[in-house]
Amino acid sequence: MIATKNESCIIDVLVDIFRAKGVEPPALGPDTVLDQLGLESLDFAQAVIRLEEITGKDPFATGAELQIRTLSDFAAVYSD
């Protein structure tokens, strides 16, 4: 499955986070289940901050409850 622009951006950010931790990143794709990556909540917070810097969007600021299970779900919250 080919990743969308948002998915590719998230993959790049997650790969950077893994490498900063000194860990080889796993294969990542749209169907990757995020809670199975072994990342901590702080790692995901860093990803959200970085994605806000890149996209100018903070979809979590609305307080809306978001159902995010996969990388594709995560990318969807950054869609227009």
Protein backbone atom coordinates (compact mmCIF):
# COMPACT_ATOMS: atom_id res chain seq x y z
CA MET A 1 0.00 0.00 0.00
CA ILE A 2 1.34 3.41 -0.98
CA ALA A 3 1.48 5.99 1.80
CA THR A 4 -0.24 9.36 1.44
CA LYS A 5 1.65 12.62 1.91
CA ASN A 6 0.47 12.87 5.55
CA GLU A 7 1.36 9.23 6.21
CA SER A 8 4.83 9.72 4.72
CA CYS A 9 5.35 12.78 6.91
CA ILE A 10 4.34 10.82 10.03
CA ILE A 11 6.60 7.93 9.03
CA ASP A 12 9.53 10.35 8.70
CA VAL A 13 8.81 11.85 12.13
CA LEU A 14 8.47 8.43 13.79
CA VAL A 15 11.68 7.18 12.16
CA ASP A 16 13.49 10.23 13.56
CA ILE A 17 12.10 9.48 17.03
CA PHE A 18 13.23 5.85 16.88
CA ARG A 19 16.69 6.87 15.71
CA ALA A 20 16.98 9.52 18.46
CA LYS A 21 16.28 6.73 20.95
CA GLY A 22 19.06 4.65 19.36
CA VAL A 23 16.56 2.09 18.10
CA GLU A 24 16.26 0.78 14.56
CA PRO A 25 12.78 1.77 13.34
CA PRO A 26 10.44 -1.05 12.31
CA ALA A 27 8.76 -1.15 8.92
CA LEU A 28 6.05 1.50 9.02
CA GLY A 29 3.04 1.81 6.77
CA PRO A 30 -0.57 2.95 6.77
CA ASP A 31 -1.77 -0.20 8.57
CA THR A 32 0.86 -0.02 11.34
CA VAL A 33 -0.86 -0.24 14.75
CA LEU A 34 0.65 2.58 16.78
CA ASP A 35 0.33 1.04 20.24
CA GLN A 36 2.37 -1.94 19.08
CA LEU A 37 5.44 0.12 18.15
CA GLY A 38 6.91 0.15 21.65
CA LEU A 39 6.99 3.94 21.83
CA GLU A 40 6.13 5.78 25.03
CA SER A 41 3.48 8.49 25.36
CA LEU A 42 6.27 11.09 25.49
CA ASP A 43 7.48 9.86 22.11
CA PHE A 44 4.01 10.36 20.63
CA ALA A 45 3.81 13.80 22.23
CA GLN A 46 7.09 14.68 20.50
CA ALA A 47 5.64 13.41 17.23
CA VAL A 48 2.54 15.61 17.64
CA ILE A 49 4.69 18.66 18.40
CA ARG A 50 6.91 18.00 15.39
CA LEU A 51 3.89 17.44 13.14
CA GLU A 52 2.38 20.72 14.33
CA GLU A 53 5.65 22.47 13.41
CA ILE A 54 5.56 20.86 9.95
CA THR A 55 1.85 21.18 9.16
CA GLY A 56 0.83 24.17 11.24
CA LYS A 57 -2.08 22.09 12.55
CA ASP A 58 -2.86 20.86 16.05
CA PRO A 59 -5.89 18.60 15.63
CA PHE A 60 -5.75 17.74 19.34
CA ALA A 61 -6.33 21.36 20.43
CA THR A 62 -10.06 21.10 19.75
CA GLY A 63 -10.56 18.70 22.63
CA ALA A 64 -12.46 16.38 20.32
CA GLU A 65 -12.08 12.72 21.10
CA LEU A 66 -10.16 11.11 18.28
CA GLN A 67 -10.04 7.40 17.53
CA ILE A 68 -6.45 6.77 16.48
CA ARG A 69 -5.33 3.17 16.16
CA THR A 70 -3.23 3.00 13.00
CA LEU A 71 -0.74 5.26 11.28
CA SER A 72 -3.43 5.92 8.67
CA ASP A 73 -5.86 7.05 11.44
CA PHE A 74 -3.15 9.37 12.77
CA ALA A 75 -2.59 10.84 9.30
CA ALA A 76 -6.32 11.42 8.84
CA VAL A 77 -6.44 13.90 11.73
CA TYR A 78 -4.02 16.09 9.77
CA SER A 79 -6.18 16.07 6.62
CA ASP A 80 -7.88 19.21 5.43
